[in-house]
Amino acid sequence: MSGTDVDIPEVDSASGSGVPIRGNDIDTDQIIPARFMKVVTFDGLGEFAFFDLRFDENDDLKEHPMNEERFQDSSVMVVNSNFGCGSSREHAPQALMRWGIDALIGESFAEIFAGNCLALGIPTVTADSETIGELQEWVEANPDGELEIDVEAETVTYGGQTIDVTVDDAQRKALVEGVWDTTALMKSNAGEVRKTARDLPYVTDEQIPDAAD
């Protein structure tokens, strides 16, 4: 497979209406409970996002923003501090993405969670507590309002105003330059990967896959 066979999209911006998820230290077990991680693929995980916070023991709806009709088409999640902490399960951003989330704006994110989001091309941008609080209030009052995230410029525009946000330097570079999908990059450079593998003394020929047709 040659480099021209893989097209990794550049993610220099994201936009959509928002959904506010309030609370500090929301961990990955809240985002996707462990019992839903037994699936063979990630397909269908979206319906289980925040399951225990959205449903009671009888599977009846609780009060939660993701259960509200006005937020069903939201694609930008606005969160608070240390979002995605806890165990390093990649199922968490997978569940959010499959629910419909394309980007997250928050006070801070757990490092591994942010890395797992990056692997899916999902920006995680940050701002201070006061700014996030004001943004969450605006989203509550304007559920159909558009949030425009400029990853490269590190800004978010909403309600006729533009605020400064922070994007991790490595994340911004990977998203803007279209090099965030490391699996696709390895596939596009399969020949070089095989060449490197052959030079490693601890890798046998049997362990090196043949070139794809």
C-alpha atoms as a PDB file:
ATOM      1  CA  MET A   1       0.000   0.000   0.000  1.00  0.00           C
ATOM      2  CA  SER A   2       1.422   3.384  -0.962  1.00  0.00           C
ATOM      3  CA  GLY A   3       1.033   6.674   0.845  1.00  0.00           C
ATOM      4  CA  THR A   4      -1.457   7.877  -1.747  1.00  0.00           C
ATOM      5  CA  ASP A   5      -3.853   5.054  -0.823  1.00  0.00           C
ATOM      6  CA  VAL A   6      -4.671   6.519   2.603  1.00  0.00           C
ATOM      7  CA  ASP A   7      -6.465   9.809   3.023  1.00  0.00           C
ATOM      8  CA  ILE A   8      -6.396  11.143   6.574  1.00  0.00           C
ATOM      9  CA  PRO A   9      -8.593  14.247   6.776  1.00  0.00           C
ATOM     10  CA  GLU A  10      -7.224  17.427   8.264  1.00  0.00           C
ATOM     11  CA  VAL A  11      -9.199  18.548  11.309  1.00  0.00           C
ATOM     12  CA  ASP A  12      -8.560  22.275  11.490  1.00  0.00           C
ATOM     13  CA  SER A  13     -12.068  23.098  12.721  1.00  0.00           C
ATOM     14  CA  ALA A  14     -15.260  21.622  14.129  1.00  0.00           C
ATOM     15  CA  SER A  15     -18.708  23.080  14.556  1.00  0.00           C
ATOM     16  CA  GLY A  16     -22.184  22.227  15.759  1.00  0.00           C
ATOM     17  CA  SER A  17     -24.613  22.811  18.570  1.00  0.00           C
ATOM     18  CA  GLY A  18     -23.510  22.033  22.103  1.00  0.00           C
ATOM     19  CA  VAL A  19     -24.505  19.819  25.004  1.00  0.00           C
ATOM     20  CA  PRO A  20     -23.385  20.819  28.527  1.00  0.00           C
ATOM     21  CA  ILE A  21     -22.159  18.040  30.835  1.00  0.00           C
ATOM     22  CA  ARG A  22     -21.480  19.549  34.245  1.00  0.00           C
ATOM     23  CA  GLY A  23     -19.249  18.120  36.934  1.00  0.00           C
ATOM     24  CA  ASN A  24     -15.558  17.718  37.709  1.00  0.00           C
ATOM     25  CA  ASP A  25     -13.667  14.412  37.585  1.00  0.00           C
ATOM     26  CA  ILE A  26     -16.165  12.616  35.353  1.00  0.00           C
ATOM     27  CA  ASP A  27     -14.344   9.345  34.773  1.00  0.00           C
ATOM     28  CA  THR A  28     -14.397   6.870  31.930  1.00  0.00           C
ATOM     29  CA  ASP A  29     -16.572   4.435  33.888  1.00  0.00           C
ATOM     30  CA  GLN A  30     -19.296   7.080  33.981  1.00  0.00           C
ATOM     31  CA  ILE A  31     -18.813   7.792  30.272  1.00  0.00           C
ATOM     32  CA  ILE A  32     -19.101   4.078  29.373  1.00  0.00           C
ATOM     33  CA  PRO A  33     -19.749   1.558  32.178  1.00  0.00           C
ATOM     34  CA  ALA A  34     -17.440  -1.463  32.124  1.00  0.00           C
ATOM     35  CA  ARG A  35     -20.214  -3.979  31.449  1.00  0.00           C
ATOM     36  CA  PHE A  36     -20.687  -2.492  27.970  1.00  0.00           C
ATOM     37  CA  MET A  37     -17.042  -3.042  27.042  1.00  0.00           C
ATOM     38  CA  LYS A  38     -17.469  -6.725  26.209  1.00  0.00           C
ATOM     39  CA  VAL A  39     -18.465  -5.973  22.625  1.00  0.00           C
ATOM     40  CA  VAL A  40     -16.244  -7.263  19.820  1.00  0.00           C
ATOM     41  CA  THR A  41     -16.438  -3.959  17.910  1.00  0.00           C
ATOM     42  CA  PHE A  42     -17.228  -0.390  18.924  1.00  0.00           C
ATOM     43  CA  ASP A  43     -20.395  -0.341  16.818  1.00  0.00           C
ATOM     44  CA  GLY A  44     -23.449   0.599  18.863  1.00  0.00           C
ATOM     45  CA  LEU A  45     -21.514   1.952  21.857  1.00  0.00           C
ATOM     46  CA  GLY A  46     -23.143   5.356  21.438  1.00  0.00           C
ATOM     47  CA  GLU A  47     -26.419   4.238  22.978  1.00  0.00           C
ATOM     48  CA  PHE A  48     -24.575   3.265  26.160  1.00  0.00           C
ATOM     49  CA  ALA A  49     -22.763   6.587  26.661  1.00  0.00           C
ATOM     50  CA  PHE A  50     -23.360   7.838  30.237  1.00  0.00           C
ATOM     51  CA  PHE A  51     -25.815   4.961  30.609  1.00  0.00           C
ATOM     52  CA  ASP A  52     -25.937   4.817  34.408  1.00  0.00           C
ATOM     53  CA  LEU A  53     -26.417   8.581  34.629  1.00  0.00           C
ATOM     54  CA  ARG A  54     -29.144   8.544  31.970  1.00  0.00           C
ATOM     55  CA  PHE A  55     -31.155   5.483  33.089  1.00  0.00           C
ATOM     56  CA  ASP A  56     -32.250   3.985  36.399  1.00  0.00           C
ATOM     57  CA  GLU A  57     -32.210   0.282  37.316  1.00  0.00           C
ATOM     58  CA  ASN A  58     -35.456  -0.204  35.386  1.00  0.00           C
ATOM     59  CA  ASP A  59     -33.998   1.492  32.288  1.00  0.00           C
ATOM     60  CA  ASP A  60     -36.311   4.456  32.799  1.00  0.00           C
ATOM     61  CA  LEU A  61     -34.945   7.862  31.814  1.00  0.00           C
ATOM     62  CA  LYS A  62     -33.284  10.066  34.415  1.00  0.00           C
ATOM     63  CA  GLU A  63     -32.791  13.797  34.104  1.00  0.00           C
ATOM     64  CA  HIS A  64     -29.683  14.221  31.971  1.00  0.00           C
ATOM     65  CA  PRO A  65     -28.790  16.588  29.124  1.00  0.00           C
ATOM     66  CA  MET A  66     -28.206  13.689  26.735  1.00  0.00           C
ATOM     67  CA  ASN A  67     -31.789  12.559  27.283  1.00  0.00           C
ATOM     68  CA  GLU A  68     -33.247  15.942  26.391  1.00  0.00           C
ATOM     69  CA  GLU A  69     -34.747  16.316  22.942  1.00  0.00           C
ATOM     70  CA  ARG A  70     -33.186  19.743  22.472  1.00  0.00           C
ATOM     71  CA  PHE A  71     -29.655  18.287  22.678  1.00  0.00           C
ATOM     72  CA  GLN A  72     -30.146  15.204  20.498  1.00  0.00           C
ATOM     73  CA  ASP A  73     -28.406  16.731  17.491  1.00  0.00           C
ATOM     74  CA  SER A  74     -25.519  18.197  19.475  1.00  0.00           C
ATOM     75  CA  SER A  75     -21.980  17.478  18.323  1.00  0.00           C
ATOM     76  CA  VAL A  76     -19.875  19.593  20.724  1.00  0.00           C
ATOM     77  CA  MET A  77     -19.707  18.596  24.387  1.00  0.00           C
ATOM     78  CA  VAL A  78     -18.887  21.291  26.950  1.00  0.00           C
ATOM     79  CA  VAL A  79     -17.437  19.837  30.142  1.00  0.00           C
ATOM     80  CA  ASN A  80     -15.616  20.864  33.290  1.00  0.00           C
ATOM     81  CA  SER A  81     -12.359  19.806  34.972  1.00  0.00           C
ATOM     82  CA  ASN A  82     -10.418  16.523  34.603  1.00  0.00           C
ATOM     83  CA  PHE A  83     -12.933  15.033  32.203  1.00  0.00           C
ATOM     84  CA  GLY A  84     -12.170  11.446  31.176  1.00  0.00           C
ATOM     85  CA  CYS A  85     -10.081  10.539  34.218  1.00  0.00           C
ATOM     86  CA  GLY A  86      -9.871   6.998  35.585  1.00  0.00           C
ATOM     87  CA  SER A  87      -9.083   3.890  33.578  1.00  0.00           C
ATOM     88  CA  SER A  88      -7.567   4.356  30.139  1.00  0.00           C
ATOM     89  CA  ARG A  89     -10.389   2.786  28.141  1.00  0.00           C
ATOM     90  CA  GLU A  90     -10.562   3.820  24.505  1.00  0.00           C
ATOM     91  CA  HIS A  91     -14.243   2.856  24.589  1.00  0.00           C
ATOM     92  CA  ALA A  92     -15.027   6.198  26.271  1.00  0.00           C
ATOM     93  CA  PRO A  93     -14.291   8.519  23.312  1.00  0.00           C
ATOM     94  CA  GLN A  94     -15.592   5.809  20.965  1.00  0.00           C
ATOM     95  CA  ALA A  95     -18.954   5.922  22.771  1.00  0.00           C
ATOM     96  CA  LEU A  96     -19.086   9.712  22.640  1.00  0.00           C
ATOM     97  CA  MET A  97     -18.163   9.774  18.955  1.00  0.00           C
ATOM     98  CA  ARG A  98     -20.817   7.195  18.135  1.00  0.00           C
ATOM     99  CA  TRP A  99     -23.386   9.192  20.089  1.00  0.00           C
ATOM    100  CA  GLY A 100     -22.550  12.104  17.784  1.00  0.00           C
ATOM    101  CA  ILE A 101     -19.790  14.108  19.463  1.00  0.00           C
ATOM    102  CA  ASP A 102     -17.161  15.619  17.118  1.00  0.00           C
ATOM    103  CA  ALA A 103     -15.322  17.874  19.602  1.00  0.00           C
ATOM    104  CA  LEU A 104     -15.059  18.651  23.308  1.00  0.00           C
ATOM    105  CA  ILE A 105     -14.490  21.959  25.086  1.00  0.00           C
ATOM    106  CA  GLY A 106     -13.593  21.811  28.764  1.00  0.00           C
ATOM    107  CA  GLU A 107     -11.529  23.106  31.654  1.00  0.00           C
ATOM    108  CA  SER A 108      -9.146  20.138  31.442  1.00  0.00           C
ATOM    109  CA  PHE A 109      -8.974  16.561  30.202  1.00  0.00           C
ATOM    110  CA  ALA A 110      -7.217  13.460  31.462  1.00  0.00           C
ATOM    111  CA  GLU A 111      -4.119  12.968  29.332  1.00  0.00           C
ATOM    112  CA  ILE A 112      -4.879   9.430  28.145  1.00  0.00           C
ATOM    113  CA  PHE A 113      -8.493  10.310  27.371  1.00  0.00           C
ATOM    114  CA  ALA A 114      -7.344  13.283  25.291  1.00  0.00           C
ATOM    115  CA  GLY A 115      -4.895  11.004  23.481  1.00  0.00           C
ATOM    116  CA  ASN A 116      -7.655   8.508  22.731  1.00  0.00           C
ATOM    117  CA  CYS A 117      -9.806  11.343  21.397  1.00  0.00           C
ATOM    118  CA  LEU A 118      -6.953  12.485  19.161  1.00  0.00           C
ATOM    119  CA  ALA A 119      -6.700   8.969  17.720  1.00  0.00           C
ATOM    120  CA  LEU A 120     -10.279   9.458  16.497  1.00  0.00           C
ATOM    121  CA  GLY A 121      -9.721  12.984  15.196  1.00  0.00           C
ATOM    122  CA  ILE A 122     -11.739  14.541  18.041  1.00  0.00           C
ATOM    123  CA  PRO A 123     -10.320  17.876  19.300  1.00  0.00           C
ATOM    124  CA  THR A 124     -10.223  18.456  23.072  1.00  0.00           C
ATOM    125  CA  VAL A 125      -9.786  22.202  23.628  1.00  0.00           C
ATOM    126  CA  THR A 126      -9.555  23.943  26.981  1.00  0.00           C
ATOM    127  CA  ALA A 127     -10.413  27.244  28.638  1.00  0.00           C
ATOM    128  CA  ASP A 128     -10.572  28.538  32.207  1.00  0.00           C
ATOM    129  CA  SER A 129     -13.393  27.700  34.617  1.00  0.00           C
ATOM    130  CA  GLU A 130     -15.212  31.022  34.250  1.00  0.00           C
ATOM    131  CA  THR A 131     -15.163  30.836  30.456  1.00  0.00           C
ATOM    132  CA  ILE A 132     -16.457  27.259  30.449  1.00  0.00           C
ATOM    133  CA  GLY A 133     -19.198  28.144  32.935  1.00  0.00           C
ATOM    134  CA  GLU A 134     -20.385  30.987  30.727  1.00  0.00           C
ATOM    135  CA  LEU A 135     -20.273  28.745  27.672  1.00  0.00           C
ATOM    136  CA  GLN A 136     -22.316  26.033  29.402  1.00  0.00           C
ATOM    137  CA  GLU A 137     -24.929  28.605  30.396  1.00  0.00           C
ATOM    138  CA  TRP A 138     -25.090  29.893  26.820  1.00  0.00           C
ATOM    139  CA  VAL A 139     -25.524  26.372  25.463  1.00  0.00           C
ATOM    140  CA  GLU A 140     -28.336  25.763  27.953  1.00  0.00           C
ATOM    141  CA  ALA A 141     -30.099  28.917  26.769  1.00  0.00           C
ATOM    142  CA  ASN A 142     -29.309  28.332  23.095  1.00  0.00           C
ATOM    143  CA  PRO A 143     -29.535  24.587  22.421  1.00  0.00           C
ATOM    144  CA  ASP A 144     -29.632  25.199  18.668  1.00  0.00           C
ATOM    145  CA  GLY A 145     -26.808  27.741  18.772  1.00  0.00           C
ATOM    146  CA  GLU A 146     -23.704  27.078  16.709  1.00  0.00           C
ATOM    147  CA  LEU A 147     -20.278  26.602  18.279  1.00  0.00           C
ATOM    148  CA  GLU A 148     -17.375  27.039  15.870  1.00  0.00           C
ATOM    149  CA  ILE A 149     -14.015  25.671  16.985  1.00  0.00           C
ATOM    150  CA  ASP A 150     -10.947  26.816  15.088  1.00  0.00           C
ATOM    151  CA  VAL A 151      -8.288  24.304  16.062  1.00  0.00           C
ATOM    152  CA  GLU A 152      -5.418  26.057  14.322  1.00  0.00           C
ATOM    153  CA  ALA A 153      -6.274  29.557  15.602  1.00  0.00           C
ATOM    154  CA  GLU A 154      -7.273  28.228  19.060  1.00  0.00           C
ATOM    155  CA  THR A 155     -10.585  30.053  19.220  1.00  0.00           C
ATOM    156  CA  VAL A 156     -14.243  29.229  19.779  1.00  0.00           C
ATOM    157  CA  THR A 157     -16.935  31.455  18.287  1.00  0.00           C
ATOM    158  CA  TYR A 158     -20.496  31.438  19.585  1.00  0.00           C
ATOM    159  CA  GLY A 159     -23.316  33.936  20.007  1.00  0.00           C
ATOM    160  CA  GLY A 160     -21.486  36.656  18.107  1.00  0.00           C
ATOM    161  CA  GLN A 161     -18.340  36.501  20.231  1.00  0.00           C
ATOM    162  CA  THR A 162     -15.004  34.770  19.904  1.00  0.00           C
ATOM    163  CA  ILE A 163     -13.065  33.425  22.873  1.00  0.00           C
ATOM    164  CA  ASP A 164      -9.511  32.135  23.134  1.00  0.00           C
ATOM    165  CA  VAL A 165      -9.014  28.470  23.955  1.00  0.00           C
ATOM    166  CA  THR A 166      -5.954  26.248  24.227  1.00  0.00           C
ATOM    167  CA  VAL A 167      -5.133  23.238  22.088  1.00  0.00           C
ATOM    168  CA  ASP A 168      -2.187  21.059  23.042  1.00  0.00           C
ATOM    169  CA  ASP A 169       0.637  21.793  20.594  1.00  0.00           C
ATOM    170  CA  ALA A 170       1.124  18.174  19.548  1.00  0.00           C
ATOM    171  CA  GLN A 171      -2.614  17.661  19.167  1.00  0.00           C
ATOM    172  CA  ARG A 172      -3.025  20.814  17.097  1.00  0.00           C
ATOM    173  CA  LYS A 173      -0.180  19.824  14.791  1.00  0.00           C
ATOM    174  CA  ALA A 174      -1.512  16.292  14.325  1.00  0.00           C
ATOM    175  CA  LEU A 175      -5.068  17.444  13.620  1.00  0.00           C
ATOM    176  CA  VAL A 176      -4.232  20.356  11.346  1.00  0.00           C
ATOM    177  CA  GLU A 177      -1.638  18.423   9.350  1.00  0.00           C
ATOM    178  CA  GLY A 178      -3.803  15.322   9.080  1.00  0.00           C
ATOM    179  CA  VAL A 179      -1.431  12.951  10.860  1.00  0.00           C
ATOM    180  CA  TRP A 180      -3.660  12.035  13.809  1.00  0.00           C
ATOM    181  CA  ASP A 181      -4.586   8.545  12.551  1.00  0.00           C
ATOM    182  CA  THR A 182      -1.415   6.621  13.381  1.00  0.00           C
ATOM    183  CA  THR A 183      -2.877   3.292  12.257  1.00  0.00           C
ATOM    184  CA  ALA A 184      -3.607   4.700   8.805  1.00  0.00           C
ATOM    185  CA  LEU A 185      -0.131   6.227   8.672  1.00  0.00           C
ATOM    186  CA  MET A 186       1.464   2.874   9.422  1.00  0.00           C
ATOM    187  CA  LYS A 187      -0.638   1.203   6.722  1.00  0.00           C
ATOM    188  CA  SER A 188       0.310   3.867   4.209  1.00  0.00           C
ATOM    189  CA  ASN A 189       3.980   3.224   4.987  1.00  0.00           C
ATOM    190  CA  ALA A 190       3.712  -0.557   5.226  1.00  0.00           C
ATOM    191  CA  GLY A 191       6.820  -1.081   3.121  1.00  0.00           C
ATOM    192  CA  GLU A 192       8.963   0.988   5.477  1.00  0.00           C
ATOM    193  CA  VAL A 193       7.427  -0.755   8.485  1.00  0.00           C
ATOM    194  CA  ARG A 194       8.326  -4.161   7.049  1.00  0.00           C
ATOM    195  CA  LYS A 195      11.842  -2.963   6.210  1.00  0.00           C
ATOM    196  CA  THR A 196      12.358  -1.723   9.769  1.00  0.00           C
ATOM    197  CA  ALA A 197      10.940  -4.959  11.184  1.00  0.00           C
ATOM    198  CA  ARG A 198      13.409  -7.030   9.156  1.00  0.00           C
ATOM    199  CA  ASP A 199      16.293  -5.045  10.666  1.00  0.00           C
ATOM    200  CA  LEU A 200      15.180  -5.830  14.217  1.00  0.00           C
ATOM    201  CA  PRO A 201      17.068  -8.843  15.627  1.00  0.00           C
ATOM    202  CA  TYR A 202      14.130  -9.992  17.767  1.00  0.00           C
ATOM    203  CA  VAL A 203      11.570 -10.098  14.912  1.00  0.00           C
ATOM    204  CA  THR A 204      11.443 -13.256  12.797  1.00  0.00           C
ATOM    205  CA  ASP A 205      10.416 -13.400   9.135  1.00  0.00           C
ATOM    206  CA  GLU A 206       7.284 -15.322  10.105  1.00  0.00           C
ATOM    207  CA  GLN A 207       6.131 -12.369  12.230  1.00  0.00           C
ATOM    208  CA  ILE A 208       6.325  -9.904   9.352  1.00  0.00           C
ATOM    209  CA  PRO A 209       3.084  -9.757   7.326  1.00  0.00           C
ATOM    210  CA  ASP A 210       3.201  -9.958   3.566  1.00  0.00           C
ATOM    211  CA  ALA A 211       2.485  -6.836   1.508  1.00  0.00           C
ATOM    212  CA  ALA A 212      -1.187  -6.215   0.793  1.00  0.00           C
ATOM    213  CA  ASP A 213      -2.318  -6.936  -2.739  1.00  0.00           C
END
